[in-house]
Amino acid sequence: MATSKRGSNLPGFRATQIDFAAHIRNPEVHPRPADVEPRRMRIYLRLFYNNIESFLASAFPVAKRVLGDKTWHRVVRNFVHRHPSSSPYFLEISQEFLGFLDERMPEGLPGFLLELCHYEWVELYLSMSEDEIASSGIDPAGNLLNDEVVLSSLLKILSYRYPVHRIGPKYQPLEPLADQTQLVVYRKRNDKVHFLESNPVTHRLLEILDDPISGSEALERLANELSGVDRRMVTEQGTAILEQLRDTEIILGTRFDQAET
């Protein structure tokens, strides 16, 4: 009695898989495979779509409210159908959705949608990050002017065309603002994520502090970049900003060598 060789049915099985996946991704376009019972297919459809939509809704709650249910589900269905996700992990679905909006934004959506979703994704990213705020080798009460300033690793310095932190169902700007919206999003030691509305000077100061540098050196570099300003004013106001950033836990303190203690 002849026996079938293992794997001999692979081409046909592969074709069935492709048809099955295509129907799940967009049942309105791709027909149900003939050998799959309709009731079971409907179960697969609901489970697949509801899982994807649930992850996206939890990641982008403001975007969902702004778009409304009908448009939101149209966008999610479009994402499921058209986006070739490169990650198999559910926790990275939100990042894949951002890539979809950046590359294949459906027509008729608000101009601010990509930036709003990026802002919401940053909040999610920081809240889910497994990084811990450093404490070893840091003096929380150190002299910010004389010693090397240490920034939190759990922060993002952001610039947007739209005021994404204010957008919601009752406020949806039609055009970008004349000036950039500059925000610092960060996670505190209690694991809560906060944002700080910033300005170009504070933004630049934080960028400078990303290098190993003391507060006074950072303020001197900042003053050199700001033509026509009073250097003493930069030092005075900059010192106050450094202390405010420490109060918010954006600045953790100053670095010290534990071997010397």
C-alpha atoms as a PDB file:
ATOM      1  CA  MET A   1       0.000   0.000   0.000  1.00  0.00           C
ATOM      2  CA  ALA A   2       1.442   3.308  -1.061  1.00  0.00           C
ATOM      3  CA  THR A   3       1.945   5.919   1.622  1.00  0.00           C
ATOM      4  CA  SER A   4       2.051   9.648   1.039  1.00  0.00           C
ATOM      5  CA  LYS A   5       5.384  11.306   1.579  1.00  0.00           C
ATOM      6  CA  ARG A   6       5.486  13.674   4.526  1.00  0.00           C
ATOM      7  CA  GLY A   7       5.185  17.239   3.271  1.00  0.00           C
ATOM      8  CA  SER A   8       3.857  16.227  -0.132  1.00  0.00           C
ATOM      9  CA  ASN A   9       0.725  18.276   0.486  1.00  0.00           C
ATOM     10  CA  LEU A  10       2.660  21.403   1.464  1.00  0.00           C
ATOM     11  CA  PRO A  11       1.930  23.499  -1.662  1.00  0.00           C
ATOM     12  CA  GLY A  12      -1.817  22.961  -1.332  1.00  0.00           C
ATOM     13  CA  PHE A  13      -1.724  23.498   2.421  1.00  0.00           C
ATOM     14  CA  ARG A  14       0.264  26.691   1.915  1.00  0.00           C
ATOM     15  CA  ALA A  15      -2.305  27.966  -0.549  1.00  0.00           C
ATOM     16  CA  THR A  16      -5.054  27.277   1.991  1.00  0.00           C
ATOM     17  CA  GLN A  17      -3.120  29.192   4.640  1.00  0.00           C
ATOM     18  CA  ILE A  18      -2.763  32.179   2.338  1.00  0.00           C
ATOM     19  CA  ASP A  19      -6.477  32.162   1.483  1.00  0.00           C
ATOM     20  CA  PHE A  20      -7.371  31.756   5.148  1.00  0.00           C
ATOM     21  CA  ALA A  21      -5.144  34.671   6.236  1.00  0.00           C
ATOM     22  CA  ALA A  22      -6.360  36.907   3.397  1.00  0.00           C
ATOM     23  CA  HIS A  23     -10.008  36.353   4.391  1.00  0.00           C
ATOM     24  CA  ILE A  24      -9.247  37.102   8.044  1.00  0.00           C
ATOM     25  CA  ARG A  25      -7.401  40.312   7.137  1.00  0.00           C
ATOM     26  CA  ASN A  26     -10.193  41.575   4.892  1.00  0.00           C
ATOM     27  CA  PRO A  27     -13.316  39.398   4.603  1.00  0.00           C
ATOM     28  CA  GLU A  28     -15.045  41.993   2.395  1.00  0.00           C
ATOM     29  CA  VAL A  29     -12.432  41.568  -0.326  1.00  0.00           C
ATOM     30  CA  HIS A  30     -11.210  37.975  -0.016  1.00  0.00           C
ATOM     31  CA  PRO A  31     -13.729  35.078   0.006  1.00  0.00           C
ATOM     32  CA  ARG A  32     -13.851  32.453   2.716  1.00  0.00           C
ATOM     33  CA  PRO A  33     -11.881  29.297   1.901  1.00  0.00           C
ATOM     34  CA  ALA A  34     -14.393  26.719   0.680  1.00  0.00           C
ATOM     35  CA  ASP A  35     -13.253  23.996   3.068  1.00  0.00           C
ATOM     36  CA  VAL A  36     -13.693  26.114   6.232  1.00  0.00           C
ATOM     37  CA  GLU A  37     -17.092  25.938   7.924  1.00  0.00           C
ATOM     38  CA  PRO A  38     -18.746  29.427   8.024  1.00  0.00           C
ATOM     39  CA  ARG A  39     -19.514  29.423  11.753  1.00  0.00           C
ATOM     40  CA  ARG A  40     -15.917  28.598  12.656  1.00  0.00           C
ATOM     41  CA  MET A  41     -14.626  31.191  10.213  1.00  0.00           C
ATOM     42  CA  ARG A  42     -16.734  33.875  11.877  1.00  0.00           C
ATOM     43  CA  ILE A  43     -15.174  32.960  15.238  1.00  0.00           C
ATOM     44  CA  TYR A  44     -11.675  33.346  13.792  1.00  0.00           C
ATOM     45  CA  LEU A  45     -12.641  36.658  12.239  1.00  0.00           C
ATOM     46  CA  ARG A  46     -13.973  38.078  15.504  1.00  0.00           C
ATOM     47  CA  LEU A  47     -11.055  36.871  17.601  1.00  0.00           C
ATOM     48  CA  PHE A  48      -8.414  38.166  15.219  1.00  0.00           C
ATOM     49  CA  TYR A  49      -9.905  41.593  14.608  1.00  0.00           C
ATOM     50  CA  ASN A  50     -11.043  42.175  18.188  1.00  0.00           C
ATOM     51  CA  ASN A  51      -7.579  41.361  19.545  1.00  0.00           C
ATOM     52  CA  ILE A  52      -5.885  43.809  17.166  1.00  0.00           C
ATOM     53  CA  GLU A  53      -8.484  46.516  17.711  1.00  0.00           C
ATOM     54  CA  SER A  54      -8.349  46.099  21.490  1.00  0.00           C
ATOM     55  CA  PHE A  55      -4.577  46.618  21.586  1.00  0.00           C
ATOM     56  CA  LEU A  56      -4.825  49.688  19.360  1.00  0.00           C
ATOM     57  CA  ALA A  57      -7.719  51.172  21.332  1.00  0.00           C
ATOM     58  CA  SER A  58      -5.772  50.857  24.586  1.00  0.00           C
ATOM     59  CA  ALA A  59      -2.693  52.418  22.980  1.00  0.00           C
ATOM     60  CA  PHE A  60      -4.500  55.295  21.221  1.00  0.00           C
ATOM     61  CA  PRO A  61      -7.602  56.116  23.291  1.00  0.00           C
ATOM     62  CA  VAL A  62      -7.666  59.810  22.340  1.00  0.00           C
ATOM     63  CA  ALA A  63      -7.291  59.044  18.645  1.00  0.00           C
ATOM     64  CA  LYS A  64     -10.197  56.609  18.834  1.00  0.00           C
ATOM     65  CA  ARG A  65     -12.444  59.169  20.534  1.00  0.00           C
ATOM     66  CA  VAL A  66     -11.456  61.876  18.048  1.00  0.00           C
ATOM     67  CA  LEU A  67     -12.159  59.707  14.998  1.00  0.00           C
ATOM     68  CA  GLY A  68     -15.387  58.188  16.294  1.00  0.00           C
ATOM     69  CA  ASP A  69     -16.265  54.494  16.121  1.00  0.00           C
ATOM     70  CA  LYS A  70     -17.100  54.294  12.405  1.00  0.00           C
ATOM     71  CA  THR A  71     -13.937  55.980  11.155  1.00  0.00           C
ATOM     72  CA  TRP A  72     -11.779  54.298  13.796  1.00  0.00           C
ATOM     73  CA  HIS A  73     -12.862  50.819  12.716  1.00  0.00           C
ATOM     74  CA  ARG A  74     -12.381  51.752   9.060  1.00  0.00           C
ATOM     75  CA  VAL A  75      -8.789  52.777   9.810  1.00  0.00           C
ATOM     76  CA  VAL A  76      -8.094  49.658  11.888  1.00  0.00           C
ATOM     77  CA  ARG A  77      -9.550  47.422   9.181  1.00  0.00           C
ATOM     78  CA  ASN A  78      -7.384  49.247   6.630  1.00  0.00           C
ATOM     79  CA  PHE A  79      -4.332  48.670   8.820  1.00  0.00           C
ATOM     80  CA  VAL A  80      -5.089  44.964   9.213  1.00  0.00           C
ATOM     81  CA  HIS A  81      -5.623  44.568   5.472  1.00  0.00           C
ATOM     82  CA  ARG A  82      -2.797  46.666   4.028  1.00  0.00           C
ATOM     83  CA  HIS A  83       0.063  46.858   6.498  1.00  0.00           C
ATOM     84  CA  PRO A  84       2.781  44.172   6.212  1.00  0.00           C
ATOM     85  CA  SER A  85       3.716  44.002   9.895  1.00  0.00           C
ATOM     86  CA  SER A  86       7.319  43.006  10.511  1.00  0.00           C
ATOM     87  CA  SER A  87       6.884  42.117  14.193  1.00  0.00           C
ATOM     88  CA  PRO A  88       4.968  39.089  15.508  1.00  0.00           C
ATOM     89  CA  TYR A  89       4.612  40.531  19.024  1.00  0.00           C
ATOM     90  CA  PHE A  90       1.302  41.950  20.232  1.00  0.00           C
ATOM     91  CA  LEU A  91       3.066  44.581  22.326  1.00  0.00           C
ATOM     92  CA  GLU A  92       4.561  46.039  19.132  1.00  0.00           C
ATOM     93  CA  ILE A  93       1.245  46.384  17.305  1.00  0.00           C
ATOM     94  CA  SER A  94       1.034  50.050  18.301  1.00  0.00           C
ATOM     95  CA  GLN A  95       4.430  50.748  16.739  1.00  0.00           C
ATOM     96  CA  GLU A  96       3.364  48.936  13.561  1.00  0.00           C
ATOM     97  CA  PHE A  97       0.228  51.110  13.495  1.00  0.00           C
ATOM     98  CA  LEU A  98       2.402  54.236  13.605  1.00  0.00           C
ATOM     99  CA  GLY A  99       4.376  52.929  10.644  1.00  0.00           C
ATOM    100  CA  PHE A 100       1.127  52.327   8.788  1.00  0.00           C
ATOM    101  CA  LEU A 101      -0.094  55.886   9.391  1.00  0.00           C
ATOM    102  CA  ASP A 102       3.272  57.281   8.319  1.00  0.00           C
ATOM    103  CA  GLU A 103       3.449  55.259   5.096  1.00  0.00           C
ATOM    104  CA  ARG A 104      -0.185  54.574   4.116  1.00  0.00           C
ATOM    105  CA  MET A 105      -2.373  57.155   5.840  1.00  0.00           C
ATOM    106  CA  PRO A 106      -5.931  56.689   4.514  1.00  0.00           C
ATOM    107  CA  GLU A 107      -7.484  59.752   2.914  1.00  0.00           C
ATOM    108  CA  GLY A 108      -9.878  62.008   4.763  1.00  0.00           C
ATOM    109  CA  LEU A 109      -8.258  61.749   8.203  1.00  0.00           C
ATOM    110  CA  PRO A 110      -7.226  64.740  10.364  1.00  0.00           C
ATOM    111  CA  GLY A 111      -3.818  66.204   9.573  1.00  0.00           C
ATOM    112  CA  PHE A 112      -2.805  65.893  13.215  1.00  0.00           C
ATOM    113  CA  LEU A 113      -3.551  62.160  13.500  1.00  0.00           C
ATOM    114  CA  LEU A 114      -0.002  60.852  13.020  1.00  0.00           C
ATOM    115  CA  GLU A 115       1.470  63.282  15.557  1.00  0.00           C
ATOM    116  CA  LEU A 116      -1.329  62.606  18.049  1.00  0.00           C
ATOM    117  CA  CYS A 117      -0.770  58.860  17.774  1.00  0.00           C
ATOM    118  CA  HIS A 118       2.984  59.295  18.128  1.00  0.00           C
ATOM    119  CA  TYR A 119       2.453  61.294  21.315  1.00  0.00           C
ATOM    120  CA  GLU A 120       0.152  58.600  22.696  1.00  0.00           C
ATOM    121  CA  TRP A 121       2.640  55.915  21.678  1.00  0.00           C
ATOM    122  CA  VAL A 122       5.452  57.697  23.560  1.00  0.00           C
ATOM    123  CA  GLU A 123       3.326  57.647  26.719  1.00  0.00           C
ATOM    124  CA  LEU A 124       2.700  53.924  26.228  1.00  0.00           C
ATOM    125  CA  TYR A 125       6.369  53.228  25.476  1.00  0.00           C
ATOM    126  CA  LEU A 126       7.557  54.967  28.641  1.00  0.00           C
ATOM    127  CA  SER A 127       4.907  53.332  30.807  1.00  0.00           C
ATOM    128  CA  MET A 128       5.796  49.860  29.479  1.00  0.00           C
ATOM    129  CA  SER A 129       9.573  50.293  29.445  1.00  0.00           C
ATOM    130  CA  GLU A 130      11.451  47.831  31.635  1.00  0.00           C
ATOM    131  CA  ASP A 131      14.234  50.361  32.233  1.00  0.00           C
ATOM    132  CA  GLU A 132      14.677  51.476  35.813  1.00  0.00           C
ATOM    133  CA  ILE A 133      15.522  55.026  36.860  1.00  0.00           C
ATOM    134  CA  ALA A 134      19.142  55.002  37.917  1.00  0.00           C
ATOM    135  CA  SER A 135      20.105  55.767  41.504  1.00  0.00           C
ATOM    136  CA  SER A 136      23.582  54.269  41.850  1.00  0.00           C
ATOM    137  CA  GLY A 137      26.362  56.811  41.468  1.00  0.00           C
ATOM    138  CA  ILE A 138      23.950  59.764  41.540  1.00  0.00           C
ATOM    139  CA  ASP A 139      23.658  62.472  44.164  1.00  0.00           C
ATOM    140  CA  PRO A 140      20.036  63.746  44.062  1.00  0.00           C
ATOM    141  CA  ALA A 141      21.060  66.886  45.990  1.00  0.00           C
ATOM    142  CA  GLY A 142      24.276  67.523  44.064  1.00  0.00           C
ATOM    143  CA  ASN A 143      25.386  70.929  42.818  1.00  0.00           C
ATOM    144  CA  LEU A 144      23.892  71.171  39.349  1.00  0.00           C
ATOM    145  CA  LEU A 145      26.185  73.995  38.277  1.00  0.00           C
ATOM    146  CA  ASN A 146      29.504  72.511  39.380  1.00  0.00           C
ATOM    147  CA  ASP A 147      29.002  68.795  38.752  1.00  0.00           C
ATOM    148  CA  GLU A 148      27.945  66.569  35.851  1.00  0.00           C
ATOM    149  CA  VAL A 149      24.179  66.653  35.466  1.00  0.00           C
ATOM    150  CA  VAL A 150      22.366  63.315  35.060  1.00  0.00           C
ATOM    151  CA  LEU A 151      19.143  63.157  33.054  1.00  0.00           C
ATOM    152  CA  SER A 152      16.551  60.449  33.504  1.00  0.00           C
ATOM    153  CA  SER A 153      16.771  57.708  30.898  1.00  0.00           C
ATOM    154  CA  LEU A 154      12.973  57.546  30.824  1.00  0.00           C
ATOM    155  CA  LEU A 155      12.203  60.744  28.962  1.00  0.00           C
ATOM    156  CA  LYS A 156      11.505  61.868  25.415  1.00  0.00           C
ATOM    157  CA  ILE A 157      12.132  65.377  24.082  1.00  0.00           C
ATOM    158  CA  LEU A 158       9.477  66.008  21.426  1.00  0.00           C
ATOM    159  CA  SER A 159       8.492  68.659  18.882  1.00  0.00           C
ATOM    160  CA  TYR A 160       5.210  68.651  16.972  1.00  0.00           C
ATOM    161  CA  ARG A 161       3.430  70.909  14.498  1.00  0.00           C
ATOM    162  CA  TYR A 162       0.165  70.440  16.373  1.00  0.00           C
ATOM    163  CA  PRO A 163      -0.622  70.875  20.104  1.00  0.00           C
ATOM    164  CA  VAL A 164      -1.101  67.135  20.548  1.00  0.00           C
ATOM    165  CA  HIS A 165      -1.401  67.319  24.344  1.00  0.00           C
ATOM    166  CA  ARG A 166      -4.581  69.403  23.995  1.00  0.00           C
ATOM    167  CA  ILE A 167      -6.309  67.550  21.151  1.00  0.00           C
ATOM    168  CA  GLY A 168      -9.532  65.725  21.979  1.00  0.00           C
ATOM    169  CA  PRO A 169     -13.151  65.424  20.842  1.00  0.00           C
ATOM    170  CA  LYS A 170     -13.749  69.114  21.678  1.00  0.00           C
ATOM    171  CA  TYR A 171     -10.523  70.511  20.225  1.00  0.00           C
ATOM    172  CA  GLN A 172      -9.322  69.452  16.780  1.00  0.00           C
ATOM    173  CA  PRO A 173      -7.153  72.053  15.025  1.00  0.00           C
ATOM    174  CA  LEU A 174      -7.497  72.189  11.252  1.00  0.00           C
ATOM    175  CA  GLU A 175      -4.028  73.626  10.634  1.00  0.00           C
ATOM    176  CA  PRO A 176      -0.636  73.393  12.365  1.00  0.00           C
ATOM    177  CA  LEU A 177       0.284  76.172  14.771  1.00  0.00           C
ATOM    178  CA  ALA A 178       2.717  78.897  13.710  1.00  0.00           C
ATOM    179  CA  ASP A 179       5.211  77.710  16.350  1.00  0.00           C
ATOM    180  CA  GLN A 180       6.266  74.188  17.192  1.00  0.00           C
ATOM    181  CA  THR A 181       4.665  72.492  20.173  1.00  0.00           C
ATOM    182  CA  GLN A 182       7.543  71.312  22.338  1.00  0.00           C
ATOM    183  CA  LEU A 183       6.993  68.728  25.042  1.00  0.00           C
ATOM    184  CA  VAL A 184       9.026  66.616  27.420  1.00  0.00           C
ATOM    185  CA  VAL A 185       7.360  63.314  28.283  1.00  0.00           C
ATOM    186  CA  TYR A 186       8.911  61.424  31.198  1.00  0.00           C
ATOM    187  CA  ARG A 187       8.303  58.707  33.758  1.00  0.00           C
ATOM    188  CA  LYS A 188       8.816  59.382  37.448  1.00  0.00           C
ATOM    189  CA  ARG A 189      10.066  57.021  40.137  1.00  0.00           C
ATOM    190  CA  ASN A 190       6.476  56.145  41.022  1.00  0.00           C
ATOM    191  CA  ASP A 191       6.131  54.805  37.425  1.00  0.00           C
ATOM    192  CA  LYS A 192       3.578  57.450  36.430  1.00  0.00           C
ATOM    193  CA  VAL A 193       4.106  59.173  33.066  1.00  0.00           C
ATOM    194  CA  HIS A 194       3.899  62.976  32.916  1.00  0.00           C
ATOM    195  CA  PHE A 195       4.478  65.668  30.328  1.00  0.00           C
ATOM    196  CA  LEU A 196       5.996  69.137  30.556  1.00  0.00           C
ATOM    197  CA  GLU A 197       5.126  71.833  28.028  1.00  0.00           C
ATOM    198  CA  SER A 198       8.477  73.275  27.101  1.00  0.00           C
ATOM    199  CA  ASN A 199      10.069  75.980  24.917  1.00  0.00           C
ATOM    200  CA  PRO A 200      13.011  76.150  22.469  1.00  0.00           C
ATOM    201  CA  VAL A 201      15.516  77.256  25.126  1.00  0.00           C
ATOM    202  CA  THR A 202      14.658  74.479  27.601  1.00  0.00           C
ATOM    203  CA  HIS A 203      14.574  71.988  24.745  1.00  0.00           C
ATOM    204  CA  ARG A 204      18.056  72.973  23.648  1.00  0.00           C
ATOM    205  CA  LEU A 205      19.343  72.897  27.222  1.00  0.00           C
ATOM    206  CA  LEU A 206      18.097  69.323  27.626  1.00  0.00           C
ATOM    207  CA  GLU A 207      19.788  68.335  24.374  1.00  0.00           C
ATOM    208  CA  ILE A 208      23.073  69.791  25.617  1.00  0.00           C
ATOM    209  CA  LEU A 209      22.711  68.008  28.964  1.00  0.00           C
ATOM    210  CA  ASP A 210      22.474  64.700  27.151  1.00  0.00           C
ATOM    211  CA  ASP A 211      26.292  64.888  26.971  1.00  0.00           C
ATOM    212  CA  PRO A 212      28.448  64.442  30.113  1.00  0.00           C
ATOM    213  CA  ILE A 213      28.553  68.066  31.187  1.00  0.00           C
ATOM    214  CA  SER A 214      28.057  70.280  34.220  1.00  0.00           C
ATOM    215  CA  GLY A 215      25.181  72.718  34.467  1.00  0.00           C
ATOM    216  CA  SER A 216      27.430  75.779  34.208  1.00  0.00           C
ATOM    217  CA  GLU A 217      29.138  74.374  31.111  1.00  0.00           C
ATOM    218  CA  ALA A 218      25.764  73.622  29.555  1.00  0.00           C
ATOM    219  CA  LEU A 219      24.503  77.140  30.253  1.00  0.00           C
ATOM    220  CA  GLU A 220      27.693  78.635  28.821  1.00  0.00           C
ATOM    221  CA  ARG A 221      27.257  76.616  25.639  1.00  0.00           C
ATOM    222  CA  LEU A 222      23.615  77.677  25.476  1.00  0.00           C
ATOM    223  CA  ALA A 223      24.541  81.352  25.893  1.00  0.00           C
ATOM    224  CA  ASN A 224      27.070  81.052  23.066  1.00  0.00           C
ATOM    225  CA  GLU A 225      24.315  79.761  20.783  1.00  0.00           C
ATOM    226  CA  LEU A 226      21.833  82.517  21.710  1.00  0.00           C
ATOM    227  CA  SER A 227      23.121  85.622  19.978  1.00  0.00           C
ATOM    228  CA  GLY A 228      22.385  89.002  21.519  1.00  0.00           C
ATOM    229  CA  VAL A 229      21.298  87.793  24.956  1.00  0.00           C
ATOM    230  CA  ASP A 230      22.481  88.833  28.392  1.00  0.00           C
ATOM    231  CA  ARG A 231      24.784  86.023  29.544  1.00  0.00           C
ATOM    232  CA  ARG A 232      24.070  86.777  33.198  1.00  0.00           C
ATOM    233  CA  MET A 233      20.336  86.417  32.528  1.00  0.00           C
ATOM    234  CA  VAL A 234      20.950  83.062  30.826  1.00  0.00           C
ATOM    235  CA  THR A 235      22.865  81.885  33.905  1.00  0.00           C
ATOM    236  CA  GLU A 236      20.252  83.107  36.386  1.00  0.00           C
ATOM    237  CA  GLN A 237      17.209  81.838  34.505  1.00  0.00           C
ATOM    238  CA  GLY A 238      19.008  78.677  33.413  1.00  0.00           C
ATOM    239  CA  THR A 239      19.895  77.831  37.008  1.00  0.00           C
ATOM    240  CA  ALA A 240      16.230  78.143  37.953  1.00  0.00           C
ATOM    241  CA  ILE A 241      15.257  75.882  35.042  1.00  0.00           C
ATOM    242  CA  LEU A 242      17.784  73.254  36.151  1.00  0.00           C
ATOM    243  CA  GLU A 243      16.249  73.198  39.621  1.00  0.00           C
ATOM    244  CA  GLN A 244      12.729  72.947  38.197  1.00  0.00           C
ATOM    245  CA  LEU A 245      13.802  70.009  36.046  1.00  0.00           C
ATOM    246  CA  ARG A 246      15.249  68.328  39.125  1.00  0.00           C
ATOM    247  CA  ASP A 247      11.979  68.845  40.991  1.00  0.00           C
ATOM    248  CA  THR A 248      10.097  67.056  38.210  1.00  0.00           C
ATOM    249  CA  GLU A 249      12.636  64.162  38.141  1.00  0.00           C
ATOM    250  CA  ILE A 250      13.675  64.953  34.567  1.00  0.00           C
ATOM    251  CA  ILE A 251      17.069  65.684  36.113  1.00  0.00           C
ATOM    252  CA  LEU A 252      17.994  62.999  38.630  1.00  0.00           C
ATOM    253  CA  GLY A 253      20.900  64.872  40.235  1.00  0.00           C
ATOM    254  CA  THR A 254      24.643  64.873  39.646  1.00  0.00           C
ATOM    255  CA  ARG A 255      27.102  62.084  39.078  1.00  0.00           C
ATOM    256  CA  PHE A 256      29.684  61.063  41.642  1.00  0.00           C
ATOM    257  CA  ASP A 257      32.304  58.343  41.802  1.00  0.00           C
ATOM    258  CA  GLN A 258      31.239  55.803  44.416  1.00  0.00           C
ATOM    259  CA  ALA A 259      34.834  54.596  44.702  1.00  0.00           C
ATOM    260  CA  GLU A 260      35.750  57.935  46.247  1.00  0.00           C
ATOM    261  CA  THR A 261      33.065  57.749  48.962  1.00  0.00           C
END
